[in-house]
Amino acid sequence: MAQMEGWVMFRAAPASEKMSAPITPDTVALWWGFAPDKAITSLNGVVSAAVWRFSQPAVYELHGYADNQTDVISISIAGHHHHTYFADGKQKWSRMHPAFHFNLVPAGEQPRGIFDSKRPFSYLHVYLPHGLVKRLAAESLAIPEGRDVTLIDPMCSRDPHVESICRQFLREMTYSDECSRLAIDVLAQQLAIRLLRQHSNIAGSTITARSGAGYRDCRLRRAMEYLEAHIGDDVSLAEVATSVGLSTTHLANLFRQGTGEPPHRWLMRHRLERACDMLQTPHLSVTEVAMRCGFASSQHLATAMRRLLATTPTDYRRTVLS
């Protein structure tokens, strides 16, 4: 660690000292010179996660290895700050990084980040074995056996599914029993599948649309547009199907083939995404947000958020606006 006035730098060891073992919380702690607030490793020792807290208002510069064995998922869990990210020595993106927006370091990419914050902030890192990502892609028939797959950095964006899984990682870190270490393996698979479906070079391929219809079917796209336009209304599946000239059974099948979800689950996810966006507007009450997004009441919205995101509207608003 090197420190100048208002600037704190954490470096990995020189490339000549690079270890052949994959990245773990322990190796990162050695690079940066401090321990994580919390850490957990799966029972088989393959998957790990850690919470890193930066307690001083400062500009932090963090460096890491290019590790071909690990994809690192990084999600901000507290503190609003500016984040500039460099991949293999070149600036990739630079923007404000709100809580529960995430980025990732694909396997083989050398990361460097500059974080400018006026208050303390924290990150959850999930160290996902790239072998697991490849295996799931091959087992889903998305890639031929032996071929590689690349995860794509969402560059500081929000994905409610990734957020929900990461919140469960955080919850498991609060337990002291061995079940939590078993749960980490399950959560890692869920996270890898979501990343393959939405944030990879095979997103939209056979992993989410085995029949080849998928989003390429214009009727499915029109149905999605109809639901988006009526997201605050009580819309039936029959009404949506009629608007695009399909039976309800055919429309439901198109949704499953094209999105991997039935229509009601797809709509619920989009309503939650819209609600999370609107909760960042302070003058709107939780009840107003719920009604505008198609929930029956503020309690209905709270129930959905607790079930899918492991938080409440009030807690979510407090976190993103803090």
Protein backbone atom coordinates (compact mmCIF):
# COMPACT_ATOMS: atom_id res chain seq x y z
CA MET A 1 0.00 0.00 0.00
CA ALA A 2 1.27 3.47 -0.92
CA GLN A 3 -0.30 6.66 0.38
CA MET A 4 -0.08 10.31 -0.71
CA GLU A 5 -2.16 13.29 0.38
CA GLY A 6 -5.77 12.24 -0.30
CA TRP A 7 -4.64 9.26 -2.43
CA VAL A 8 -4.35 5.63 -1.29
CA MET A 9 -2.89 2.98 -3.61
CA PHE A 10 -3.15 -0.80 -3.22
CA ARG A 11 -1.06 -2.88 -5.61
CA ALA A 12 -0.83 -6.57 -6.38
CA ALA A 13 2.66 -8.08 -6.24
CA PRO A 14 4.83 -7.66 -9.38
CA ALA A 15 3.94 -9.91 -12.32
CA SER A 16 7.17 -11.86 -11.81
CA GLU A 17 5.79 -12.98 -8.44
CA LYS A 18 2.40 -13.98 -9.84
CA MET A 19 1.05 -17.13 -8.22
CA SER A 20 -0.48 -19.96 -10.24
CA ALA A 21 -3.35 -20.35 -7.74
CA PRO A 22 -6.67 -18.57 -8.44
CA ILE A 23 -7.65 -15.33 -6.70
CA THR A 24 -9.14 -15.68 -3.22
CA PRO A 25 -9.88 -13.23 -0.37
CA ASP A 26 -6.59 -14.30 1.25
CA THR A 27 -4.50 -13.44 -1.82
CA VAL A 28 -6.25 -10.09 -2.22
CA ALA A 29 -5.65 -9.32 1.47
CA LEU A 30 -1.93 -9.98 0.90
CA TRP A 31 -1.86 -7.62 -2.11
CA TRP A 32 -3.72 -4.78 -0.42
CA GLY A 33 -2.35 -5.18 3.08
CA PHE A 34 -5.63 -5.40 4.98
CA ALA A 35 -8.24 -8.06 5.69
CA PRO A 36 -11.84 -8.05 4.44
CA ASP A 37 -14.68 -7.20 6.82
CA LYS A 38 -16.21 -10.62 6.10
CA ALA A 39 -15.28 -13.58 3.94
CA ILE A 40 -16.67 -17.01 3.13
CA THR A 41 -15.44 -20.00 1.15
CA SER A 42 -17.58 -22.86 -0.14
CA LEU A 43 -17.26 -26.25 1.52
CA ASN A 44 -15.26 -27.63 -1.41
CA GLY A 45 -12.98 -24.58 -1.35
CA VAL A 46 -13.74 -23.60 -4.95
CA VAL A 47 -15.95 -20.49 -4.59
CA SER A 48 -15.26 -17.59 -2.25
CA ALA A 49 -16.59 -14.12 -1.50
CA ALA A 50 -15.52 -11.17 0.63
CA VAL A 51 -16.71 -7.74 1.75
CA TRP A 52 -14.08 -5.02 1.41
CA ARG A 53 -14.59 -1.75 3.32
CA PHE A 54 -12.74 1.48 2.51
CA SER A 55 -13.22 3.64 5.57
CA GLN A 56 -11.43 6.89 4.66
CA PRO A 57 -12.80 9.59 2.35
CA ALA A 58 -10.03 9.49 -0.28
CA VAL A 59 -9.07 8.53 -3.80
CA TYR A 60 -8.20 4.84 -3.88
CA GLU A 61 -6.23 3.15 -6.65
CA LEU A 62 -6.49 -0.65 -6.71
CA HIS A 63 -4.51 -3.04 -8.90
CA GLY A 64 -4.88 -6.78 -9.46
CA TYR A 65 -3.62 -9.75 -11.44
CA ALA A 66 -4.80 -11.03 -14.80
CA ASP A 67 -6.09 -14.39 -13.58
CA ASN A 68 -7.28 -16.83 -16.26
CA GLN A 69 -8.94 -19.04 -13.65
CA THR A 70 -11.30 -16.56 -12.00
CA ASP A 71 -14.13 -14.19 -12.93
CA VAL A 72 -14.51 -11.52 -10.25
CA ILE A 73 -17.97 -10.04 -9.67
CA SER A 74 -17.83 -6.71 -7.84
CA ILE A 75 -20.99 -5.10 -6.48
CA SER A 76 -21.09 -1.89 -4.46
CA ILE A 77 -23.06 -2.41 -1.24
CA ALA A 78 -22.65 0.96 0.47
CA GLY A 79 -21.51 4.45 -0.45
CA HIS A 80 -21.96 6.54 -3.59
CA HIS A 81 -18.62 7.19 -5.31
CA HIS A 82 -16.97 7.79 -8.68
CA HIS A 83 -15.36 4.74 -10.27
CA THR A 84 -12.91 4.70 -13.19
CA TYR A 85 -11.97 1.25 -14.47
CA PHE A 86 -8.97 0.24 -16.59
CA ALA A 87 -8.70 -3.14 -18.35
CA ASP A 88 -5.24 -4.29 -19.44
CA GLY A 89 -3.91 -0.75 -19.08
CA LYS A 90 -6.67 1.02 -21.07
CA GLN A 91 -9.55 3.00 -19.58
CA LYS A 92 -12.79 1.10 -20.12
CA TRP A 93 -15.36 3.29 -18.36
CA SER A 94 -15.72 6.10 -15.81
CA ARG A 95 -18.92 7.05 -13.95
CA MET A 96 -20.67 7.39 -10.61
CA HIS A 97 -21.16 3.98 -8.99
CA PRO A 98 -24.42 3.77 -6.97
CA ALA A 99 -25.05 1.07 -4.40
CA PHE A 100 -25.97 -2.37 -5.80
CA HIS A 101 -24.76 -1.60 -9.31
CA PHE A 102 -22.09 -4.08 -10.37
CA ASN A 103 -19.17 -4.64 -12.68
CA LEU A 104 -17.03 -7.68 -13.30
CA VAL A 105 -13.45 -8.54 -14.18
CA PRO A 106 -13.54 -11.33 -16.79
CA ALA A 107 -11.01 -14.13 -16.46
CA GLY A 108 -7.71 -13.11 -18.04
CA GLU A 109 -8.23 -9.35 -17.75
CA GLN A 110 -5.82 -7.27 -15.65
CA PRO A 111 -7.86 -4.83 -13.52
CA ARG A 112 -7.08 -1.38 -12.19
CA GLY A 113 -9.68 0.81 -10.51
CA ILE A 114 -9.69 4.37 -9.21
CA PHE A 115 -12.37 5.16 -6.63
CA ASP A 116 -13.03 8.76 -5.61
CA SER A 117 -15.24 8.97 -2.55
CA LYS A 118 -16.16 11.62 0.02
CA ARG A 119 -17.43 8.97 2.43
CA PRO A 120 -16.72 5.32 3.35
CA PHE A 121 -17.82 2.70 0.84
CA SER A 122 -17.90 -1.09 0.61
CA TYR A 123 -17.88 -3.77 -2.06
CA LEU A 124 -18.83 -7.42 -2.19
CA HIS A 125 -16.47 -9.46 -4.37
CA VAL A 126 -17.47 -12.92 -5.55
CA TYR A 127 -14.56 -14.97 -6.88
CA LEU A 128 -16.21 -17.27 -9.42
CA PRO A 129 -14.14 -20.11 -10.92
CA HIS A 130 -14.07 -19.72 -14.69
CA GLY A 131 -14.13 -23.50 -14.99
CA LEU A 132 -17.59 -23.50 -13.41
CA VAL A 133 -18.81 -20.89 -15.91
CA LYS A 134 -17.47 -22.95 -18.84
CA ARG A 135 -18.96 -26.18 -17.49
CA LEU A 136 -22.43 -24.69 -17.09
CA ALA A 137 -22.26 -23.20 -20.60
CA ALA A 138 -21.28 -26.58 -22.04
CA GLU A 139 -23.91 -28.51 -20.06
CA SER A 140 -26.60 -26.11 -21.29
CA LEU A 141 -25.43 -26.81 -24.88
CA ALA A 142 -24.68 -23.11 -25.34
CA ILE A 143 -21.09 -23.92 -26.35
CA PRO A 144 -19.42 -27.12 -27.60
CA GLU A 145 -17.46 -29.13 -25.06
CA GLY A 146 -13.96 -27.70 -24.73
CA ARG A 147 -14.79 -24.25 -26.11
CA ASP A 148 -14.42 -21.13 -23.98
CA VAL A 149 -16.97 -18.50 -22.99
CA THR A 150 -16.38 -14.87 -22.02
CA LEU A 151 -18.30 -12.86 -19.43
CA ILE A 152 -18.94 -9.24 -20.41
CA ASP A 153 -18.52 -6.39 -17.95
CA PRO A 154 -21.88 -4.57 -17.48
CA MET A 155 -19.80 -1.49 -16.57
CA CYS A 156 -21.52 -0.35 -13.40
CA SER A 157 -25.14 -1.22 -14.13
CA ARG A 158 -27.92 -2.76 -12.05
CA ASP A 159 -29.30 -6.24 -12.55
CA PRO A 160 -31.97 -7.14 -9.95
CA HIS A 161 -31.22 -10.87 -10.34
CA VAL A 162 -27.52 -10.40 -9.69
CA GLU A 163 -28.39 -8.06 -6.83
CA SER A 164 -30.72 -10.64 -5.26
CA ILE A 165 -28.10 -13.40 -5.45
CA CYS A 166 -25.41 -11.13 -4.02
CA ARG A 167 -27.69 -10.14 -1.14
CA GLN A 168 -28.00 -13.85 -0.37
CA PHE A 169 -24.20 -14.14 -0.35
CA LEU A 170 -24.18 -11.34 2.24
CA ARG A 171 -26.85 -13.08 4.29
CA GLU A 172 -24.95 -16.39 4.30
CA MET A 173 -21.88 -14.57 5.64
CA THR A 174 -23.84 -13.79 8.82
CA TYR A 175 -24.30 -17.49 9.68
CA SER A 176 -21.66 -19.57 11.43
CA ASP A 177 -22.81 -23.08 10.44
CA GLU A 178 -21.47 -25.25 7.64
CA CYS A 179 -24.78 -24.94 5.77
CA SER A 180 -23.77 -21.44 4.73
CA ARG A 181 -20.68 -22.83 2.99
CA LEU A 182 -22.87 -25.34 1.14
CA ALA A 183 -25.24 -22.53 0.16
CA ILE A 184 -22.35 -20.61 -1.42
CA ASP A 185 -21.93 -23.37 -4.03
CA VAL A 186 -25.62 -23.16 -4.95
CA LEU A 187 -25.55 -19.37 -5.13
CA ALA A 188 -22.42 -19.47 -7.31
CA GLN A 189 -24.22 -21.65 -9.85
CA GLN A 190 -27.23 -19.33 -9.85
CA LEU A 191 -24.94 -16.34 -10.36
CA ALA A 192 -23.00 -18.04 -13.17
CA ILE A 193 -26.23 -18.95 -14.98
CA ARG A 194 -27.53 -15.38 -14.75
CA LEU A 195 -24.24 -14.01 -16.05
CA LEU A 196 -24.25 -16.47 -18.95
CA ARG A 197 -27.81 -15.54 -19.86
CA GLN A 198 -27.43 -11.80 -19.58
CA HIS A 199 -23.75 -10.77 -19.43
CA SER A 200 -21.72 -13.03 -21.72
CA ASN A 201 -20.76 -13.48 -25.35
CA ILE A 202 -23.42 -16.20 -25.65
CA ALA A 203 -26.28 -14.21 -24.09
CA GLY A 204 -29.42 -14.83 -26.14
CA SER A 205 -28.10 -18.07 -27.66
CA THR A 206 -29.38 -21.57 -26.99
CA ILE A 207 -28.92 -21.10 -23.28
CA THR A 208 -32.05 -18.92 -23.20
CA ALA A 209 -33.77 -19.75 -26.49
CA ARG A 210 -33.35 -23.37 -27.50
CA SER A 211 -35.97 -23.22 -30.25
CA GLY A 212 -34.29 -20.33 -32.03
CA ALA A 213 -37.34 -18.10 -31.60
CA GLY A 214 -36.29 -15.94 -28.67
CA TYR A 215 -36.27 -12.18 -29.03
CA ARG A 216 -36.01 -12.60 -32.78
CA ASP A 217 -39.73 -13.37 -32.86
CA CYS A 218 -41.37 -9.99 -33.51
CA ARG A 219 -44.53 -11.08 -31.69
CA LEU A 220 -42.57 -11.64 -28.50
CA ARG A 221 -40.94 -8.23 -28.86
CA ARG A 222 -44.36 -6.62 -29.39
CA ALA A 223 -45.75 -8.43 -26.33
CA MET A 224 -42.86 -7.13 -24.23
CA GLU A 225 -43.42 -3.60 -25.55
CA TYR A 226 -47.14 -3.90 -24.70
CA LEU A 227 -46.35 -4.99 -21.15
CA GLU A 228 -43.78 -2.21 -20.74
CA ALA A 229 -46.34 0.36 -21.89
CA HIS A 230 -48.94 -1.00 -19.42
CA ILE A 231 -46.58 -1.88 -16.58
CA GLY A 232 -48.74 -0.04 -14.04
CA ASP A 233 -52.00 -1.64 -15.21
CA ASP A 234 -53.69 -4.91 -14.29
CA VAL A 235 -53.10 -6.64 -17.63
CA SER A 236 -54.17 -10.24 -18.25
CA LEU A 237 -52.20 -12.73 -20.33
CA ALA A 238 -55.21 -13.07 -22.63
CA GLU A 239 -55.19 -9.32 -23.29
CA VAL A 240 -51.49 -9.36 -24.19
CA ALA A 241 -51.93 -12.44 -26.38
CA THR A 242 -54.82 -10.81 -28.26
CA SER A 243 -52.74 -7.67 -28.87
CA VAL A 244 -50.14 -9.71 -30.80
CA GLY A 245 -52.50 -12.23 -32.41
CA LEU A 246 -51.51 -15.33 -30.41
CA SER A 247 -53.18 -17.78 -28.08
CA THR A 248 -52.21 -17.54 -24.42
CA THR A 249 -50.48 -20.94 -24.63
CA HIS A 250 -48.39 -19.90 -27.65
CA LEU A 251 -47.42 -16.60 -26.01
CA ALA A 252 -46.43 -18.32 -22.76
CA ASN A 253 -44.26 -20.75 -24.74
CA LEU A 254 -42.59 -17.87 -26.61
CA PHE A 255 -41.74 -16.18 -23.32
CA ARG A 256 -40.19 -19.34 -21.89
CA GLN A 257 -38.18 -19.97 -25.07
CA GLY A 258 -37.04 -16.38 -25.50
CA THR A 259 -36.45 -15.26 -21.90
CA GLY A 260 -36.26 -18.43 -19.82
CA GLU A 261 -39.20 -17.14 -17.75
CA PRO A 262 -43.01 -17.39 -17.87
CA PRO A 263 -44.78 -14.07 -18.66
CA HIS A 264 -45.87 -13.31 -15.08
CA ARG A 265 -42.33 -13.74 -13.73
CA TRP A 266 -40.87 -11.59 -16.52
CA LEU A 267 -43.44 -8.87 -15.76
CA MET A 268 -42.78 -9.03 -12.02
CA ARG A 269 -39.04 -8.65 -12.60
CA HIS A 270 -39.58 -5.61 -14.83
CA ARG A 271 -42.00 -4.07 -12.34
CA LEU A 272 -39.35 -4.49 -9.64
CA GLU A 273 -36.69 -2.94 -11.89
CA ARG A 274 -38.97 0.06 -12.53
CA ALA A 275 -39.78 0.31 -8.80
CA CYS A 276 -36.07 0.28 -7.88
CA ASP A 277 -35.45 3.10 -10.35
CA MET A 278 -38.38 5.16 -9.03
CA LEU A 279 -37.39 4.63 -5.39
CA GLN A 280 -34.33 6.75 -6.16
CA THR A 281 -36.70 9.73 -6.59
CA PRO A 282 -37.10 11.06 -3.01
CA HIS A 283 -40.35 13.00 -3.50
CA LEU A 284 -42.30 9.87 -4.53
CA SER A 285 -43.79 7.92 -1.64
CA VAL A 286 -43.44 4.13 -1.54
CA THR A 287 -47.19 3.86 -2.13
CA GLU A 288 -46.95 6.05 -5.27
CA VAL A 289 -44.07 3.94 -6.58
CA ALA A 290 -46.02 0.74 -5.93
CA MET A 291 -49.12 1.98 -7.75
CA ARG A 292 -47.19 3.32 -10.76
CA CYS A 293 -45.41 -0.01 -11.15
CA GLY A 294 -48.50 -2.21 -11.02
CA PHE A 295 -48.38 -3.43 -7.43
CA ALA A 296 -51.65 -3.62 -5.50
CA SER A 297 -50.23 -1.74 -2.51
CA SER A 298 -47.01 -0.67 -0.82
CA GLN A 299 -47.19 -3.92 1.17
CA HIS A 300 -47.41 -5.92 -2.06
CA LEU A 301 -44.25 -4.16 -3.31
CA ALA A 302 -42.50 -4.76 0.03
CA THR A 303 -43.38 -8.46 -0.06
CA ALA A 304 -42.02 -8.83 -3.60
CA MET A 305 -38.79 -7.00 -2.75
CA ARG A 306 -38.21 -9.06 0.38
CA ARG A 307 -38.75 -12.30 -1.55
CA LEU A 308 -36.67 -11.45 -4.63
CA LEU A 309 -34.14 -8.87 -3.42
CA ALA A 310 -33.95 -9.60 0.32
CA THR A 311 -34.68 -5.98 1.22
CA THR A 312 -37.62 -3.58 1.67
CA PRO A 313 -38.50 -0.45 -0.33
CA THR A 314 -37.56 1.79 2.61
CA ASP A 315 -34.21 0.06 3.19
CA TYR A 316 -33.42 0.05 -0.52
CA ARG A 317 -34.17 3.78 -0.80
CA ARG A 318 -32.09 4.53 2.29
CA THR A 319 -29.14 2.59 0.83
CA VAL A 320 -29.13 4.13 -2.65
CA LEU A 321 -29.70 7.68 -1.39
CA SER A 322 -27.21 7.54 1.47
